[in-house]
């Protein structure tokens, strides 16, 4: 009987795993601990997200949902024009400029 490690990860054999580990060490070298740390943090965040989704699904069906009151819309605000107002030339009754 073969061990789970020998059976491989994703169907890879023992020799393929050794080759992948050697390639990983050669490619990442000194940054390998940093890469492992960031990979671990990513996995933890992923698990937290999944747990949050599971809690939301389970809690939504069994517990009463607490609705937050929606913020009431504000009434329309009067807009004050800040553009300068230009005076037009005075005109007579026919619309011609006065002299």
PDB file of N, CA and C in Angstrom:
ATOM      1  N   UNK A   1       0.843  -1.186   0.000  1.00  0.00           N
ATOM      2  CA  UNK A   1       0.000   0.000   0.000  1.00  0.00           C
ATOM      3  C   UNK A   1       0.882   1.240   0.000  1.00  0.00           C
ATOM      4  N   UNK A   2       0.483   2.241  -0.733  1.00  0.00           N
ATOM      5  CA  UNK A   2       1.281   3.467  -0.813  1.00  0.00           C
ATOM      6  C   UNK A   2       0.786   4.474   0.205  1.00  0.00           C
ATOM      7  N   UNK A   3       1.698   5.318   0.656  1.00  0.00           N
ATOM      8  CA  UNK A   3       1.322   6.348   1.624  1.00  0.00           C
ATOM      9  C   UNK A   3       0.608   7.481   0.901  1.00  0.00           C
ATOM     10  N   UNK A   4      -0.153   8.293   1.641  1.00  0.00           N
ATOM     11  CA  UNK A   4      -0.854   9.416   0.994  1.00  0.00           C
ATOM     12  C   UNK A   4       0.117  10.379   0.318  1.00  0.00           C
ATOM     13  N   UNK A   5       1.307  10.557   0.898  1.00  0.00           N
ATOM     14  CA  UNK A   5       2.280  11.457   0.283  1.00  0.00           C
ATOM     15  C   UNK A   5       2.810  10.867  -1.008  1.00  0.00           C
ATOM     16  N   UNK A   6       3.024   9.557  -1.002  1.00  0.00           N
ATOM     17  CA  UNK A   6       3.515   8.907  -2.208  1.00  0.00           C
ATOM     18  C   UNK A   6       2.439   8.894  -3.285  1.00  0.00           C
ATOM     19  N   UNK A   7       1.166   8.791  -2.858  1.00  0.00           N
ATOM     20  CA  UNK A   7       0.076   8.821  -3.829  1.00  0.00           C
ATOM     21  C   UNK A   7       0.062  10.172  -4.515  1.00  0.00           C
ATOM     22  N   UNK A   8       0.532  11.166  -3.786  1.00  0.00           N
ATOM     23  CA  UNK A   8       0.754  12.443  -4.423  1.00  0.00           C
ATOM     24  C   UNK A   8      -0.322  13.464  -4.192  1.00  0.00           C
ATOM     25  N   UNK A   9       0.096  14.615  -4.459  1.00  0.00           N
ATOM     26  CA  UNK A   9      -0.759  15.771  -4.392  1.00  0.00           C
ATOM     27  C   UNK A   9      -1.246  16.032  -5.810  1.00  0.00           C
ATOM     28  N   UNK A  10      -2.522  16.031  -6.038  1.00  0.00           N
ATOM     29  CA  UNK A  10      -3.113  16.232  -7.361  1.00  0.00           C
ATOM     30  C   UNK A  10      -2.667  15.143  -8.333  1.00  0.00           C
ATOM     31  N   UNK A  11      -2.481  13.928  -7.833  1.00  0.00           N
ATOM     32  CA  UNK A  11      -2.125  12.824  -8.704  1.00  0.00           C
ATOM     33  C   UNK A  11      -0.656  12.781  -9.082  1.00  0.00           C
ATOM     34  N   UNK A  12       0.195  13.532  -8.406  1.00  0.00           N
ATOM     35  CA  UNK A  12       1.622  13.515  -8.703  1.00  0.00           C
ATOM     36  C   UNK A  12       2.293  12.434  -7.871  1.00  0.00           C
ATOM     37  N   UNK A  13       3.309  11.808  -8.436  1.00  0.00           N
ATOM     38  CA  UNK A  13       4.050  10.779  -7.726  1.00  0.00           C
ATOM     39  C   UNK A  13       5.090  11.403  -6.806  1.00  0.00           C
ATOM     40  N   UNK A  14       5.784  10.563  -6.072  1.00  0.00           N
ATOM     41  CA  UNK A  14       6.800  11.024  -5.129  1.00  0.00           C
ATOM     42  C   UNK A  14       7.939  11.753  -5.819  1.00  0.00           C
ATOM     43  N   UNK A  15       8.413  11.225  -6.952  1.00  0.00           N
ATOM     44  CA  UNK A  15       9.534  11.855  -7.657  1.00  0.00           C
ATOM     45  C   UNK A  15       9.134  13.229  -8.199  1.00  0.00           C
ATOM     46  N   UNK A  16       7.911  13.356  -8.697  1.00  0.00           N
ATOM     47  CA  UNK A  16       7.465  14.649  -9.206  1.00  0.00           C
ATOM     48  C   UNK A  16       7.404  15.690  -8.090  1.00  0.00           C
ATOM     49  N   UNK A  17       6.957  15.261  -6.894  1.00  0.00           N
ATOM     50  CA  UNK A  17       6.915  16.184  -5.756  1.00  0.00           C
ATOM     51  C   UNK A  17       8.310  16.642  -5.364  1.00  0.00           C
ATOM     52  N   UNK A  18       9.272  15.739  -5.399  1.00  0.00           N
ATOM     53  CA  UNK A  18      10.656  16.102  -5.068  1.00  0.00           C
ATOM     54  C   UNK A  18      11.167  17.120  -6.074  1.00  0.00           C
ATOM     55  N   UNK A  19      10.895  16.902  -7.348  1.00  0.00           N
ATOM     56  CA  UNK A  19      11.337  17.838  -8.392  1.00  0.00           C
ATOM     57  C   UNK A  19      10.693  19.203  -8.174  1.00  0.00           C
ATOM     58  N   UNK A  20       9.406  19.234  -7.856  1.00  0.00           N
ATOM     59  CA  UNK A  20       8.728  20.509  -7.609  1.00  0.00           C
ATOM     60  C   UNK A  20       9.305  21.230  -6.395  1.00  0.00           C
ATOM     61  N   UNK A  21       9.628  20.504  -5.342  1.00  0.00           N
ATOM     62  CA  UNK A  21      10.216  21.123  -4.147  1.00  0.00           C
ATOM     63  C   UNK A  21      11.585  21.700  -4.471  1.00  0.00           C
ATOM     64  N   UNK A  22      12.396  20.959  -5.227  1.00  0.00           N
ATOM     65  CA  UNK A  22      13.729  21.458  -5.613  1.00  0.00           C
ATOM     66  C   UNK A  22      13.586  22.710  -6.474  1.00  0.00           C
ATOM     67  N   UNK A  23      12.655  22.695  -7.419  1.00  0.00           N
ATOM     68  CA  UNK A  23      12.434  23.883  -8.252  1.00  0.00           C
ATOM     69  C   UNK A  23      11.973  25.071  -7.413  1.00  0.00           C
ATOM     70  N   UNK A  24      11.110  24.813  -6.436  1.00  0.00           N
ATOM     71  CA  UNK A  24      10.647  25.892  -5.562  1.00  0.00           C
ATOM     72  C   UNK A  24      11.778  26.513  -4.784  1.00  0.00           C
ATOM     73  N   UNK A  25      12.678  25.679  -4.262  1.00  0.00           N
ATOM     74  CA  UNK A  25      13.823  26.197  -3.504  1.00  0.00           C
ATOM     75  C   UNK A  25      14.753  26.977  -4.423  1.00  0.00           C
ATOM     76  N   UNK A  26      14.968  26.479  -5.630  1.00  0.00           N
ATOM     77  CA  UNK A  26      15.848  27.187  -6.562  1.00  0.00           C
ATOM     78  C   UNK A  26      15.259  28.520  -7.003  1.00  0.00           C
ATOM     79  N   UNK A  27      13.963  28.547  -7.265  1.00  0.00           N
ATOM     80  CA  UNK A  27      13.336  29.781  -7.747  1.00  0.00           C
ATOM     81  C   UNK A  27      13.195  30.828  -6.652  1.00  0.00           C
ATOM     82  N   UNK A  28      12.752  30.407  -5.458  1.00  0.00           N
ATOM     83  CA  UNK A  28      12.461  31.378  -4.414  1.00  0.00           C
ATOM     84  C   UNK A  28      13.627  31.602  -3.468  1.00  0.00           C
ATOM     85  N   UNK A  29      14.473  30.613  -3.272  1.00  0.00           N
ATOM     86  CA  UNK A  29      15.667  30.755  -2.454  1.00  0.00           C
ATOM     87  C   UNK A  29      15.418  31.399  -1.113  1.00  0.00           C
ATOM     88  N   UNK A  30      15.979  32.569  -0.916  1.00  0.00           N
ATOM     89  CA  UNK A  30      15.900  33.266   0.364  1.00  0.00           C
ATOM     90  C   UNK A  30      14.504  33.805   0.654  1.00  0.00           C
ATOM     91  N   UNK A  31      13.707  33.979  -0.364  1.00  0.00           N
ATOM     92  CA  UNK A  31      12.356  34.528  -0.160  1.00  0.00           C
ATOM     93  C   UNK A  31      11.339  33.445   0.187  1.00  0.00           C
ATOM     94  N   UNK A  32      11.787  32.212   0.292  1.00  0.00           N
ATOM     95  CA  UNK A  32      10.871  31.110   0.559  1.00  0.00           C
ATOM     96  C   UNK A  32      10.089  31.282   1.863  1.00  0.00           C
ATOM     97  N   UNK A  33      10.705  31.713   2.977  1.00  0.00           N
ATOM     98  CA  UNK A  33       9.903  31.936   4.189  1.00  0.00           C
ATOM     99  C   UNK A  33       8.852  33.034   4.002  1.00  0.00           C
ATOM    100  N   UNK A  34       9.234  34.083   3.268  1.00  0.00           N
ATOM    101  CA  UNK A  34       8.286  35.176   3.018  1.00  0.00           C
ATOM    102  C   UNK A  34       7.118  34.693   2.162  1.00  0.00           C
ATOM    103  N   UNK A  35       7.414  33.896   1.155  1.00  0.00           N
ATOM    104  CA  UNK A  35       6.368  33.359   0.283  1.00  0.00           C
ATOM    105  C   UNK A  35       5.450  32.441   1.086  1.00  0.00           C
ATOM    106  N   UNK A  36       6.026  31.603   1.934  1.00  0.00           N
ATOM    107  CA  UNK A  36       5.221  30.715   2.765  1.00  0.00           C
ATOM    108  C   UNK A  36       4.338  31.480   3.727  1.00  0.00           C
ATOM    109  N   UNK A  37       4.888  32.558   4.301  1.00  0.00           N
ATOM    110  CA  UNK A  37       4.119  33.377   5.240  1.00  0.00           C
ATOM    111  C   UNK A  37       2.934  34.033   4.539  1.00  0.00           C
ATOM    112  N   UNK A  38       3.181  34.602   3.366  1.00  0.00           N
ATOM    113  CA  UNK A  38       2.085  35.267   2.653  1.00  0.00           C
ATOM    114  C   UNK A  38       1.051  34.244   2.176  1.00  0.00           C
ATOM    115  N   UNK A  39       1.510  33.063   1.794  1.00  0.00           N
ATOM    116  CA  UNK A  39       0.576  32.011   1.391  1.00  0.00           C
ATOM    117  C   UNK A  39      -0.278  31.573   2.576  1.00  0.00           C
ATOM    118  N   UNK A  40       0.345  31.452   3.748  1.00  0.00           N
ATOM    119  CA  UNK A  40      -0.399  31.094   4.956  1.00  0.00           C
ATOM    120  C   UNK A  40      -1.433  32.132   5.326  1.00  0.00           C
ATOM    121  N   UNK A  41      -1.056  33.420   5.223  1.00  0.00           N
ATOM    122  CA  UNK A  41      -2.012  34.498   5.518  1.00  0.00           C
ATOM    123  C   UNK A  41      -3.178  34.467   4.543  1.00  0.00           C
ATOM    124  N   UNK A  42      -2.879  34.191   3.289  1.00  0.00           N
ATOM    125  CA  UNK A  42      -3.945  34.112   2.288  1.00  0.00           C
ATOM    126  C   UNK A  42      -4.917  32.989   2.579  1.00  0.00           C
ATOM    127  N   UNK A  43      -4.387  31.852   2.994  1.00  0.00           N
ATOM    128  CA  UNK A  43      -5.247  30.710   3.317  1.00  0.00           C
ATOM    129  C   UNK A  43      -6.120  31.026   4.527  1.00  0.00           C
ATOM    130  N   UNK A  44      -5.525  31.683   5.547  1.00  0.00           N
ATOM    131  CA  UNK A  44      -6.292  32.045   6.744  1.00  0.00           C
ATOM    132  C   UNK A  44      -7.427  33.006   6.383  1.00  0.00           C
ATOM    133  N   UNK A  45      -7.134  34.014   5.566  1.00  0.00           N
ATOM    134  CA  UNK A  45      -8.170  34.968   5.152  1.00  0.00           C
ATOM    135  C   UNK A  45      -9.273  34.275   4.355  1.00  0.00           C
ATOM    136  N   UNK A  46      -8.877  33.323   3.509  1.00  0.00           N
ATOM    137  CA  UNK A  46      -9.861  32.585   2.723  1.00  0.00           C
ATOM    138  C   UNK A  46     -10.785  31.783   3.641  1.00  0.00           C
ATOM    139  N   UNK A  47     -10.203  31.130   4.643  1.00  0.00           N
ATOM    140  CA  UNK A  47     -11.015  30.351   5.575  1.00  0.00           C
ATOM    141  C   UNK A  47     -11.944  31.248   6.384  1.00  0.00           C
ATOM    142  N   UNK A  48     -11.457  32.445   6.784  1.00  0.00           N
ATOM    143  CA  UNK A  48     -12.314  33.384   7.510  1.00  0.00           C
ATOM    144  C   UNK A  48     -13.493  33.815   6.646  1.00  0.00           C
ATOM    145  N   UNK A  49     -13.225  34.052   5.368  1.00  0.00           N
ATOM    146  CA  UNK A  49     -14.296  34.438   4.453  1.00  0.00           C
ATOM    147  C   UNK A  49     -15.335  33.342   4.297  1.00  0.00           C
ATOM    148  N   UNK A  50     -14.851  32.101   4.166  1.00  0.00           N
ATOM    149  CA  UNK A  50     -15.791  30.988   4.049  1.00  0.00           C
ATOM    150  C   UNK A  50     -16.618  30.830   5.315  1.00  0.00           C
ATOM    151  N   UNK A  51     -15.970  30.972   6.476  1.00  0.00           N
ATOM    152  CA  UNK A  51     -16.692  30.841   7.738  1.00  0.00           C
ATOM    153  C   UNK A  51     -17.731  31.956   7.867  1.00  0.00           C
ATOM    154  N   UNK A  52     -17.380  33.149   7.448  1.00  0.00           N
ATOM    155  CA  UNK A  52     -18.334  34.252   7.486  1.00  0.00           C
ATOM    156  C   UNK A  52     -19.541  33.985   6.608  1.00  0.00           C
ATOM    157  N   UNK A  53     -19.296  33.424   5.421  1.00  0.00           N
ATOM    158  CA  UNK A  53     -20.410  33.092   4.528  1.00  0.00           C
ATOM    159  C   UNK A  53     -21.282  32.001   5.129  1.00  0.00           C
ATOM    160  N   UNK A  54     -20.642  30.988   5.734  1.00  0.00           N
ATOM    161  CA  UNK A  54     -21.418  29.912   6.350  1.00  0.00           C
ATOM    162  C   UNK A  54     -22.262  30.451   7.499  1.00  0.00           C
ATOM    163  N   UNK A  55     -21.679  31.320   8.323  1.00  0.00           N
ATOM    164  CA  UNK A  55     -22.432  31.901   9.435  1.00  0.00           C
ATOM    165  C   UNK A  55     -23.598  32.729   8.928  1.00  0.00           C
ATOM    166  N   UNK A  56     -23.371  33.457   7.841  1.00  0.00           N
ATOM    167  CA  UNK A  56     -24.426  34.300   7.288  1.00  0.00           C
ATOM    168  C   UNK A  56     -25.579  33.453   6.753  1.00  0.00           C
ATOM    169  N   UNK A  57     -25.236  32.351   6.088  1.00  0.00           N
ATOM    170  CA  UNK A  57     -26.276  31.478   5.533  1.00  0.00           C
ATOM    171  C   UNK A  57     -27.041  30.799   6.658  1.00  0.00           C
ATOM    172  N   UNK A  58     -26.325  30.260   7.642  1.00  0.00           N
ATOM    173  CA  UNK A  58     -26.980  29.578   8.754  1.00  0.00           C
ATOM    174  C   UNK A  58     -27.768  30.556   9.619  1.00  0.00           C
ATOM    175  N   UNK A  59     -27.207  31.706   9.891  1.00  0.00           N
ATOM    176  CA  UNK A  59     -27.870  32.694  10.741  1.00  0.00           C
ATOM    177  C   UNK A  59     -29.060  33.337  10.058  1.00  0.00           C
ATOM    178  N   UNK A  60     -29.018  33.482   8.756  1.00  0.00           N
ATOM    179  CA  UNK A  60     -30.113  34.114   8.031  1.00  0.00           C
ATOM    180  C   UNK A  60     -31.367  33.279   8.016  1.00  0.00           C
ATOM    181  N   UNK A  61     -31.215  31.957   8.052  1.00  0.00           N
ATOM    182  CA  UNK A  61     -32.403  31.110   7.974  1.00  0.00           C
ATOM    183  C   UNK A  61     -33.010  30.831   9.344  1.00  0.00           C
ATOM    184  N   UNK A  62     -32.201  30.851  10.420  1.00  0.00           N
ATOM    185  CA  UNK A  62     -32.730  30.488  11.733  1.00  0.00           C
ATOM    186  C   UNK A  62     -33.048  31.697  12.600  1.00  0.00           C
ATOM    187  N   UNK A  63     -32.259  32.727  12.532  1.00  0.00           N
ATOM    188  CA  UNK A  63     -32.462  33.885  13.402  1.00  0.00           C
ATOM    189  C   UNK A  63     -33.184  34.985  12.632  1.00  0.00           C
ATOM    190  N   UNK A  64     -33.895  35.795  13.389  1.00  0.00           N
ATOM    191  CA  UNK A  64     -34.582  36.929  12.767  1.00  0.00           C
ATOM    192  C   UNK A  64     -33.541  37.952  12.351  1.00  0.00           C
ATOM    193  N   UNK A  65     -33.704  38.459  11.165  1.00  0.00           N
ATOM    194  CA  UNK A  65     -32.751  39.441  10.670  1.00  0.00           C
ATOM    195  C   UNK A  65     -33.052  40.801  11.257  1.00  0.00           C
ATOM    196  N   UNK A  66     -32.014  41.500  11.622  1.00  0.00           N
ATOM    197  CA  UNK A  66     -32.155  42.846  12.163  1.00  0.00           C
ATOM    198  C   UNK A  66     -31.940  43.816  11.020  1.00  0.00           C
ATOM    199  N   UNK A  67     -32.995  44.508  10.679  1.00  0.00           N
ATOM    200  CA  UNK A  67     -32.916  45.474   9.595  1.00  0.00           C
ATOM    201  C   UNK A  67     -32.541  46.834  10.164  1.00  0.00           C
ATOM    202  N   UNK A  68     -31.559  47.442   9.585  1.00  0.00           N
ATOM    203  CA  UNK A  68     -31.193  48.792   9.989  1.00  0.00           C
ATOM    204  C   UNK A  68     -32.081  49.767   9.221  1.00  0.00           C
ATOM    205  N   UNK A  69     -32.627  50.739   9.922  1.00  0.00           N
ATOM    206  CA  UNK A  69     -33.489  51.676   9.200  1.00  0.00           C
ATOM    207  C   UNK A  69     -32.688  52.416   8.137  1.00  0.00           C
ATOM    208  N   UNK A  70     -33.283  52.486   6.982  1.00  0.00           N
ATOM    209  CA  UNK A  70     -32.604  53.178   5.889  1.00  0.00           C
ATOM    210  C   UNK A  70     -32.528  54.661   6.198  1.00  0.00           C
ATOM    211  N   UNK A  71     -31.453  55.248   5.794  1.00  0.00           N
ATOM    212  CA  UNK A  71     -31.294  56.679   6.011  1.00  0.00           C
ATOM    213  C   UNK A  71     -32.307  57.407   5.141  1.00  0.00           C
ATOM    214  N   UNK A  72     -33.082  58.280   5.762  1.00  0.00           N
ATOM    215  CA  UNK A  72     -34.117  58.992   5.027  1.00  0.00           C
ATOM    216  C   UNK A  72     -33.480  59.940   4.030  1.00  0.00           C
ATOM    217  N   UNK A  73     -34.077  60.049   2.848  1.00  0.00           N
ATOM    218  CA  UNK A  73     -33.505  60.962   1.861  1.00  0.00           C
ATOM    219  C   UNK A  73     -33.676  62.408   2.321  1.00  0.00           C
ATOM    220  N   UNK A  74     -32.693  63.187   2.044  1.00  0.00           N
ATOM    221  CA  UNK A  74     -32.762  64.599   2.415  1.00  0.00           C
ATOM    222  C   UNK A  74     -33.631  65.341   1.414  1.00  0.00           C
ATOM    223  N   UNK A  75     -34.323  66.376   1.877  1.00  0.00           N
ATOM    224  CA  UNK A  75     -35.124  67.152   0.925  1.00  0.00           C
ATOM    225  C   UNK A  75     -34.202  67.889  -0.043  1.00  0.00           C
ATOM    226  N   UNK A  76     -34.718  68.275  -1.185  1.00  0.00           N
ATOM    227  CA  UNK A  76     -33.877  68.985  -2.158  1.00  0.00           C
ATOM    228  C   UNK A  76     -33.306  70.254  -1.535  1.00  0.00           C
ATOM    229  N   UNK A  77     -32.059  70.491  -1.819  1.00  0.00           N
ATOM    230  CA  UNK A  77     -31.380  71.664  -1.282  1.00  0.00           C
ATOM    231  C   UNK A  77     -31.384  72.775  -2.327  1.00  0.00           C
ATOM    232  N   UNK A  78     -31.511  73.986  -1.834  1.00  0.00           N
ATOM    233  CA  UNK A  78     -31.471  75.133  -2.728  1.00  0.00           C
ATOM    234  C   UNK A  78     -30.009  75.397  -3.091  1.00  0.00           C
ATOM    235  N   UNK A  79     -29.728  75.496  -4.379  1.00  0.00           N
ATOM    236  CA  UNK A  79     -28.367  75.719  -4.840  1.00  0.00           C
ATOM    237  C   UNK A  79     -28.182  77.204  -5.084  1.00  0.00           C
ATOM    238  N   UNK A  80     -27.171  77.755  -4.438  1.00  0.00           N
ATOM    239  CA  UNK A  80     -26.873  79.172  -4.582  1.00  0.00           C
ATOM    240  C   UNK A  80     -25.845  79.321  -5.680  1.00  0.00           C
ATOM    241  N   UNK A  81     -26.139  80.168  -6.627  1.00  0.00           N
ATOM    242  CA  UNK A  81     -25.221  80.380  -7.736  1.00  0.00           C
ATOM    243  C   UNK A  81     -24.051  81.240  -7.273  1.00  0.00           C
ATOM    244  N   UNK A  82     -22.854  80.814  -7.606  1.00  0.00           N
ATOM    245  CA  UNK A  82     -21.677  81.587  -7.238  1.00  0.00           C
ATOM    246  C   UNK A  82     -21.091  82.319  -8.441  1.00  0.00           C
ATOM    247  N   UNK A  83     -21.715  82.156  -9.607  1.00  0.00           N
ATOM    248  CA  UNK A  83     -21.218  82.823 -10.800  1.00  0.00           C
ATOM    249  C   UNK A  83     -21.591  84.303 -10.732  1.00  0.00           C
ATOM    250  N   UNK A  84     -20.713  85.163 -11.211  1.00  0.00           N
ATOM    251  CA  UNK A  84     -21.037  86.595 -11.186  1.00  0.00           C
ATOM    252  C   UNK A  84     -22.196  86.902 -12.131  1.00  0.00           C
ATOM    253  N   UNK A  85     -23.015  87.843 -11.704  1.00  0.00           N
ATOM    254  CA  UNK A  85     -24.135  88.244 -12.540  1.00  0.00           C
ATOM    255  C   UNK A  85     -23.714  89.500 -13.306  1.00  0.00           C
ATOM    256  N   UNK A  86     -23.916  89.451 -14.597  1.00  0.00           N
ATOM    257  CA  UNK A  86     -23.553  90.579 -15.441  1.00  0.00           C
ATOM    258  C   UNK A  86     -24.799  91.388 -15.744  1.00  0.00           C
ATOM    259  N   UNK A  87     -24.622  92.692 -15.665  1.00  0.00           N
ATOM    260  CA  UNK A  87     -25.754  93.559 -15.976  1.00  0.00           C
ATOM    261  C   UNK A  87     -25.815  93.748 -17.478  1.00  0.00           C
ATOM    262  N   UNK A  88     -27.039  93.748 -17.994  1.00  0.00           N
ATOM    263  CA  UNK A  88     -27.215  93.965 -19.425  1.00  0.00           C
ATOM    264  C   UNK A  88     -27.425  95.447 -19.662  1.00  0.00           C
ATOM    265  N   UNK A  89     -27.169  95.844 -20.882  1.00  0.00           N
ATOM    266  CA  UNK A  89     -27.365  97.257 -21.224  1.00  0.00           C
ATOM    267  C   UNK A  89     -28.853  97.558 -21.232  1.00  0.00           C
ATOM    268  N   UNK A  90     -29.226  98.708 -20.721  1.00  0.00           N
ATOM    269  CA  UNK A  90     -30.652  99.076 -20.750  1.00  0.00           C
ATOM    270  C   UNK A  90     -31.145  99.211 -22.192  1.00  0.00           C
ATOM    271  N   UNK A  91     -32.362  98.731 -22.423  1.00  0.00           N
ATOM    272  CA  UNK A  91     -32.940  98.825 -23.768  1.00  0.00           C
ATOM    273  C   UNK A  91     -34.251  99.596 -23.699  1.00  0.00           C
ATOM    274  N   UNK A  92     -34.648 100.107 -24.835  1.00  0.00           N
ATOM    275  CA  UNK A  92     -35.942 100.794 -24.885  1.00  0.00           C
ATOM    276  C   UNK A  92     -37.032  99.755 -25.132  1.00  0.00           C
ATOM    277  N   UNK A  93     -38.246 100.224 -25.378  1.00  0.00           N
ATOM    278  CA  UNK A  93     -39.405  99.339 -25.520  1.00  0.00           C
ATOM    279  C   UNK A  93     -39.291  98.467 -26.757  1.00  0.00           C
ATOM    280  N   UNK A  94     -38.494  98.866 -27.750  1.00  0.00           N
ATOM    281  CA  UNK A  94     -38.368  98.070 -28.966  1.00  0.00           C
ATOM    282  C   UNK A  94     -37.208  97.069 -28.872  1.00  0.00           C
ATOM    283  N   UNK A  95     -36.457  97.075 -27.791  1.00  0.00           N
ATOM    284  CA  UNK A  95     -35.350  96.139 -27.604  1.00  0.00           C
ATOM    285  C   UNK A  95     -34.023  96.692 -28.089  1.00  0.00           C
ATOM    286  N   UNK A  96     -34.010  97.995 -28.497  1.00  0.00           N
ATOM    287  CA  UNK A  96     -32.756  98.601 -28.972  1.00  0.00           C
ATOM    288  C   UNK A  96     -32.018  99.201 -27.801  1.00  0.00           C
ATOM    289  N   UNK A  97     -30.685  99.151 -27.789  1.00  0.00           N
ATOM    290  CA  UNK A  97     -29.923  99.739 -26.685  1.00  0.00           C
ATOM    291  C   UNK A  97     -30.119 101.250 -26.596  1.00  0.00           C
ATOM    292  N   UNK A  98     -30.216 101.756 -25.367  1.00  0.00           N
ATOM    293  CA  UNK A  98     -30.321 103.196 -25.173  1.00  0.00           C
ATOM    294  C   UNK A  98     -28.964 103.821 -25.339  1.00  0.00           C
ATOM    295  N   UNK A  99     -28.981 105.015 -25.807  1.00  0.00           N
ATOM    296  CA  UNK A  99     -27.718 105.739 -26.003  1.00  0.00           C
ATOM    297  C   UNK A  99     -27.544 106.790 -24.957  1.00  0.00           C
TER     298      UNK A  99
END
